[in-house]
Amino acid sequence: MKWIIITLFSILVVLIMFFGLGPVLLADGSEQERIITLAIVLLLFVAISISIKILLKKFK
């Protein structure tokens, strides 16, 4: 069960990196839009990190 959780979260992180950081780096919008997008992406990474930590402790 543990490897399924790690695999799912790894796929989720890769998707967020691709669809989240791509627009931050390559967007032609204003600097404010990039910073807002970056903040949201960072919050998602924090939420995912906390979630996987809690789930892995639960299934330990």
PDB file of N, CA and C in Angstrom:
ATOM      1  N   MET A   1       0.826  -1.200   0.000  1.00  0.00           N
ATOM      2  CA  MET A   1       0.000   0.000   0.000  1.00  0.00           C
ATOM      3  C   MET A   1       0.870   1.263   0.000  1.00  0.00           C
ATOM      4  N   LYS A   2       2.002   1.157   0.699  1.00  0.00           N
ATOM      5  CA  LYS A   2       2.878   2.321   0.815  1.00  0.00           C
ATOM      6  C   LYS A   2       3.426   2.739  -0.544  1.00  0.00           C
ATOM      7  N   TRP A   3       3.806   1.768  -1.374  1.00  0.00           N
ATOM      8  CA  TRP A   3       4.373   2.101  -2.681  1.00  0.00           C
ATOM      9  C   TRP A   3       3.324   2.692  -3.607  1.00  0.00           C
ATOM     10  N   ILE A   4       2.054   2.336  -3.438  1.00  0.00           N
ATOM     11  CA  ILE A   4       0.979   2.927  -4.247  1.00  0.00           C
ATOM     12  C   ILE A   4       0.821   4.403  -3.905  1.00  0.00           C
ATOM     13  N   ILE A   5       0.860   4.717  -2.617  1.00  0.00           N
ATOM     14  CA  ILE A   5       0.738   6.108  -2.175  1.00  0.00           C
ATOM     15  C   ILE A   5       1.906   6.934  -2.700  1.00  0.00           C
ATOM     16  N   ILE A   6       3.112   6.400  -2.584  1.00  0.00           N
ATOM     17  CA  ILE A   6       4.294   7.130  -3.050  1.00  0.00           C
ATOM     18  C   ILE A   6       4.231   7.338  -4.563  1.00  0.00           C
ATOM     19  N   THR A   7       3.790   6.327  -5.305  1.00  0.00           N
ATOM     20  CA  THR A   7       3.672   6.449  -6.761  1.00  0.00           C
ATOM     21  C   THR A   7       2.642   7.499  -7.145  1.00  0.00           C
ATOM     22  N   LEU A   8       1.489   7.481  -6.508  1.00  0.00           N
ATOM     23  CA  LEU A   8       0.439   8.456  -6.817  1.00  0.00           C
ATOM     24  C   LEU A   8       0.886   9.884  -6.503  1.00  0.00           C
ATOM     25  N   PHE A   9       1.526  10.058  -5.369  1.00  0.00           N
ATOM     26  CA  PHE A   9       1.993  11.396  -5.008  1.00  0.00           C
ATOM     27  C   PHE A   9       3.131  11.856  -5.915  1.00  0.00           C
ATOM     28  N   SER A  10       3.967  10.921  -6.361  1.00  0.00           N
ATOM     29  CA  SER A  10       5.035  11.285  -7.296  1.00  0.00           C
ATOM     30  C   SER A  10       4.462  11.760  -8.623  1.00  0.00           C
ATOM     31  N   ILE A  11       3.454  11.067  -9.111  1.00  0.00           N
ATOM     32  CA  ILE A  11       2.788  11.490 -10.351  1.00  0.00           C
ATOM     33  C   ILE A  11       2.139  12.848 -10.159  1.00  0.00           C
ATOM     34  N   LEU A  12       1.501  13.057  -9.027  1.00  0.00           N
ATOM     35  CA  LEU A  12       0.862  14.341  -8.741  1.00  0.00           C
ATOM     36  C   LEU A  12       1.881  15.477  -8.694  1.00  0.00           C
ATOM     37  N   VAL A  13       3.027  15.241  -8.092  1.00  0.00           N
ATOM     38  CA  VAL A  13       4.074  16.263  -8.018  1.00  0.00           C
ATOM     39  C   VAL A  13       4.604  16.599  -9.410  1.00  0.00           C
ATOM     40  N   VAL A  14       4.807  15.584 -10.228  1.00  0.00           N
ATOM     41  CA  VAL A  14       5.300  15.827 -11.593  1.00  0.00           C
ATOM     42  C   VAL A  14       4.282  16.638 -12.392  1.00  0.00           C
ATOM     43  N   LEU A  15       3.006  16.314 -12.249  1.00  0.00           N
ATOM     44  CA  LEU A  15       1.970  17.067 -12.958  1.00  0.00           C
ATOM     45  C   LEU A  15       1.912  18.517 -12.498  1.00  0.00           C
ATOM     46  N   ILE A  16       2.022  18.736 -11.195  1.00  0.00           N
ATOM     47  CA  ILE A  16       2.010  20.110 -10.687  1.00  0.00           C
ATOM     48  C   ILE A  16       3.250  20.865 -11.149  1.00  0.00           C
ATOM     49  N   MET A  17       4.385  20.181 -11.186  1.00  0.00           N
ATOM     50  CA  MET A  17       5.597  20.846 -11.675  1.00  0.00           C
ATOM     51  C   MET A  17       5.439  21.225 -13.144  1.00  0.00           C
ATOM     52  N   PHE A  18       4.866  20.332 -13.936  1.00  0.00           N
ATOM     53  CA  PHE A  18       4.731  20.599 -15.367  1.00  0.00           C
ATOM     54  C   PHE A  18       3.707  21.697 -15.638  1.00  0.00           C
ATOM     55  N   PHE A  19       2.521  21.557 -15.067  1.00  0.00           N
ATOM     56  CA  PHE A  19       1.453  22.515 -15.341  1.00  0.00           C
ATOM     57  C   PHE A  19       1.484  23.743 -14.434  1.00  0.00           C
ATOM     58  N   GLY A  20       2.239  23.690 -13.349  1.00  0.00           N
ATOM     59  CA  GLY A  20       2.312  24.824 -12.439  1.00  0.00           C
ATOM     60  C   GLY A  20       3.533  25.688 -12.654  1.00  0.00           C
ATOM     61  N   LEU A  21       4.686  25.056 -12.744  1.00  0.00           N
ATOM     62  CA  LEU A  21       5.907  25.835 -12.907  1.00  0.00           C
ATOM     63  C   LEU A  21       6.128  26.266 -14.352  1.00  0.00           C
ATOM     64  N   GLY A  22       5.572  25.526 -15.296  1.00  0.00           N
ATOM     65  CA  GLY A  22       5.676  25.918 -16.701  1.00  0.00           C
ATOM     66  C   GLY A  22       5.113  27.306 -16.954  1.00  0.00           C
ATOM     67  N   PRO A  23       3.888  27.576 -16.529  1.00  0.00           N
ATOM     68  CA  PRO A  23       3.338  28.921 -16.712  1.00  0.00           C
ATOM     69  C   PRO A  23       4.106  30.004 -15.959  1.00  0.00           C
ATOM     70  N   VAL A  24       4.693  29.661 -14.833  1.00  0.00           N
ATOM     71  CA  VAL A  24       5.472  30.662 -14.093  1.00  0.00           C
ATOM     72  C   VAL A  24       6.717  31.052 -14.882  1.00  0.00           C
ATOM     73  N   LEU A  25       7.361  30.080 -15.473  1.00  0.00           N
ATOM     74  CA  LEU A  25       8.615  30.339 -16.181  1.00  0.00           C
ATOM     75  C   LEU A  25       8.403  30.851 -17.602  1.00  0.00           C
ATOM     76  N   LEU A  26       7.353  30.384 -18.271  1.00  0.00           N
ATOM     77  CA  LEU A  26       7.188  30.668 -19.691  1.00  0.00           C
ATOM     78  C   LEU A  26       6.035  31.605 -20.030  1.00  0.00           C
ATOM     79  N   ALA A  27       5.303  32.061 -19.037  1.00  0.00           N
ATOM     80  CA  ALA A  27       4.130  32.890 -19.303  1.00  0.00           C
ATOM     81  C   ALA A  27       4.529  34.270 -19.827  1.00  0.00           C
ATOM     82  N   ASP A  28       3.662  34.811 -20.645  1.00  0.00           N
ATOM     83  CA  ASP A  28       3.915  36.161 -21.150  1.00  0.00           C
ATOM     84  C   ASP A  28       3.063  37.192 -20.410  1.00  0.00           C
ATOM     85  N   GLY A  29       2.519  36.792 -19.269  1.00  0.00           N
ATOM     86  CA  GLY A  29       1.706  37.700 -18.471  1.00  0.00           C
ATOM     87  C   GLY A  29       2.568  38.641 -17.654  1.00  0.00           C
ATOM     88  N   SER A  30       1.898  39.402 -16.822  1.00  0.00           N
ATOM     89  CA  SER A  30       2.622  40.366 -15.995  1.00  0.00           C
ATOM     90  C   SER A  30       3.386  39.643 -14.883  1.00  0.00           C
ATOM     91  N   GLU A  31       4.271  40.365 -14.265  1.00  0.00           N
ATOM     92  CA  GLU A  31       5.062  39.792 -13.184  1.00  0.00           C
ATOM     93  C   GLU A  31       4.177  39.440 -11.994  1.00  0.00           C
ATOM     94  N   GLN A  32       3.139  40.209 -11.770  1.00  0.00           N
ATOM     95  CA  GLN A  32       2.221  39.940 -10.664  1.00  0.00           C
ATOM     96  C   GLN A  32       1.499  38.608 -10.876  1.00  0.00           C
ATOM     97  N   GLU A  33       1.078  38.326 -12.109  1.00  0.00           N
ATOM     98  CA  GLU A  33       0.421  37.052 -12.393  1.00  0.00           C
ATOM     99  C   GLU A  33       1.368  35.888 -12.148  1.00  0.00           C
ATOM    100  N   ARG A  34       2.617  36.049 -12.514  1.00  0.00           N
ATOM    101  CA  ARG A  34       3.596  34.989 -12.299  1.00  0.00           C
ATOM    102  C   ARG A  34       3.818  34.734 -10.817  1.00  0.00           C
ATOM    103  N   ILE A  35       3.876  35.798 -10.034  1.00  0.00           N
ATOM    104  CA  ILE A  35       4.100  35.648  -8.598  1.00  0.00           C
ATOM    105  C   ILE A  35       2.899  34.987  -7.930  1.00  0.00           C
ATOM    106  N   ILE A  36       1.703  35.348  -8.337  1.00  0.00           N
ATOM    107  CA  ILE A  36       0.500  34.718  -7.779  1.00  0.00           C
ATOM    108  C   ILE A  36       0.468  33.234  -8.132  1.00  0.00           C
ATOM    109  N   THR A  37       0.788  32.909  -9.381  1.00  0.00           N
ATOM    110  CA  THR A  37       0.820  31.512  -9.799  1.00  0.00           C
ATOM    111  C   THR A  37       1.889  30.747  -9.029  1.00  0.00           C
ATOM    112  N   LEU A  38       3.048  31.345  -8.840  1.00  0.00           N
ATOM    113  CA  LEU A  38       4.124  30.712  -8.081  1.00  0.00           C
ATOM    114  C   LEU A  38       3.698  30.459  -6.639  1.00  0.00           C
ATOM    115  N   ALA A  39       3.022  31.417  -6.034  1.00  0.00           N
ATOM    116  CA  ALA A  39       2.553  31.248  -4.652  1.00  0.00           C
ATOM    117  C   ALA A  39       1.562  30.090  -4.550  1.00  0.00           C
ATOM    118  N   ILE A  40       0.656  29.992  -5.512  1.00  0.00           N
ATOM    119  CA  ILE A  40      -0.322  28.898  -5.507  1.00  0.00           C
ATOM    120  C   ILE A  40       0.374  27.555  -5.683  1.00  0.00           C
ATOM    121  N   VAL A  41       1.335  27.498  -6.591  1.00  0.00           N
ATOM    122  CA  VAL A  41       2.072  26.249  -6.817  1.00  0.00           C
ATOM    123  C   VAL A  41       2.852  25.850  -5.565  1.00  0.00           C
ATOM    124  N   LEU A  42       3.474  26.801  -4.907  1.00  0.00           N
ATOM    125  CA  LEU A  42       4.206  26.494  -3.679  1.00  0.00           C
ATOM    126  C   LEU A  42       3.269  26.009  -2.575  1.00  0.00           C
ATOM    127  N   LEU A  43       2.094  26.623  -2.479  1.00  0.00           N
ATOM    128  CA  LEU A  43       1.109  26.163  -1.489  1.00  0.00           C
ATOM    129  C   LEU A  43       0.649  24.738  -1.793  1.00  0.00           C
ATOM    130  N   LEU A  44       0.494  24.413  -3.067  1.00  0.00           N
ATOM    131  CA  LEU A  44       0.129  23.045  -3.437  1.00  0.00           C
ATOM    132  C   LEU A  44       1.223  22.056  -3.054  1.00  0.00           C
ATOM    133  N   PHE A  45       2.484  22.438  -3.271  1.00  0.00           N
ATOM    134  CA  PHE A  45       3.589  21.566  -2.877  1.00  0.00           C
ATOM    135  C   PHE A  45       3.616  21.351  -1.368  1.00  0.00           C
ATOM    136  N   VAL A  46       3.360  22.390  -0.607  1.00  0.00           N
ATOM    137  CA  VAL A  46       3.322  22.261   0.856  1.00  0.00           C
ATOM    138  C   VAL A  46       2.176  21.348   1.269  1.00  0.00           C
ATOM    139  N   ALA A  47       1.005  21.531   0.665  1.00  0.00           N
ATOM    140  CA  ALA A  47      -0.150  20.694   0.992  1.00  0.00           C
ATOM    141  C   ALA A  47       0.116  19.229   0.652  1.00  0.00           C
ATOM    142  N   ILE A  48       0.739  18.992  -0.480  1.00  0.00           N
ATOM    143  CA  ILE A  48       1.056  17.615  -0.871  1.00  0.00           C
ATOM    144  C   ILE A  48       2.084  17.012   0.089  1.00  0.00           C
ATOM    145  N   SER A  49       3.077  17.775   0.468  1.00  0.00           N
ATOM    146  CA  SER A  49       4.099  17.274   1.385  1.00  0.00           C
ATOM    147  C   SER A  49       3.497  16.897   2.736  1.00  0.00           C
ATOM    148  N   ILE A  50       2.629  17.741   3.240  1.00  0.00           N
ATOM    149  CA  ILE A  50       1.972  17.454   4.523  1.00  0.00           C
ATOM    150  C   ILE A  50       1.064  16.237   4.398  1.00  0.00           C
ATOM    151  N   SER A  51       0.330  16.155   3.294  1.00  0.00           N
ATOM    152  CA  SER A  51      -0.588  15.030   3.085  1.00  0.00           C
ATOM    153  C   SER A  51       0.150  13.701   3.005  1.00  0.00           C
ATOM    154  N   ILE A  52       1.229  13.671   2.248  1.00  0.00           N
ATOM    155  CA  ILE A  52       1.960  12.398   2.129  1.00  0.00           C
ATOM    156  C   ILE A  52       2.605  12.015   3.454  1.00  0.00           C
ATOM    157  N   LYS A  53       3.062  12.993   4.201  1.00  0.00           N
ATOM    158  CA  LYS A  53       3.655  12.697   5.509  1.00  0.00           C
ATOM    159  C   LYS A  53       2.613  12.082   6.442  1.00  0.00           C
ATOM    160  N   ILE A  54       1.406  12.646   6.454  1.00  0.00           N
ATOM    161  CA  ILE A  54       0.327  12.119   7.299  1.00  0.00           C
ATOM    162  C   ILE A  54      -0.092  10.729   6.852  1.00  0.00           C
ATOM    163  N   LEU A  55      -0.247  10.531   5.537  1.00  0.00           N
ATOM    164  CA  LEU A  55      -0.669   9.229   5.022  1.00  0.00           C
ATOM    165  C   LEU A  55       0.373   8.141   5.277  1.00  0.00           C
ATOM    166  N   LEU A  56       1.627   8.468   5.101  1.00  0.00           N
ATOM    167  CA  LEU A  56       2.660   7.464   5.331  1.00  0.00           C
ATOM    168  C   LEU A  56       2.759   7.085   6.811  1.00  0.00           C
ATOM    169  N   LYS A  57       2.519   8.041   7.712  1.00  0.00           N
ATOM    170  CA  LYS A  57       2.494   7.716   9.138  1.00  0.00           C
ATOM    171  C   LYS A  57       1.292   6.826   9.461  1.00  0.00           C
ATOM    172  N   LYS A  58       0.178   7.082   8.784  1.00  0.00           N
ATOM    173  CA  LYS A  58      -1.042   6.315   9.041  1.00  0.00           C
ATOM    174  C   LYS A  58      -0.885   4.863   8.601  1.00  0.00           C
ATOM    175  N   PHE A  59      -0.195   4.616   7.489  1.00  0.00           N
ATOM    176  CA  PHE A  59      -0.049   3.275   6.968  1.00  0.00           C
ATOM    177  C   PHE A  59       1.252   2.602   7.401  1.00  0.00           C
ATOM    178  N   LYS A  60       1.959   3.191   8.323  1.00  0.00           N
ATOM    179  CA  LYS A  60       3.208   2.619   8.794  1.00  0.00           C
ATOM    180  C   LYS A  60       2.986   1.423   9.662  1.00  0.00           C
TER     181      LYS A  60
END
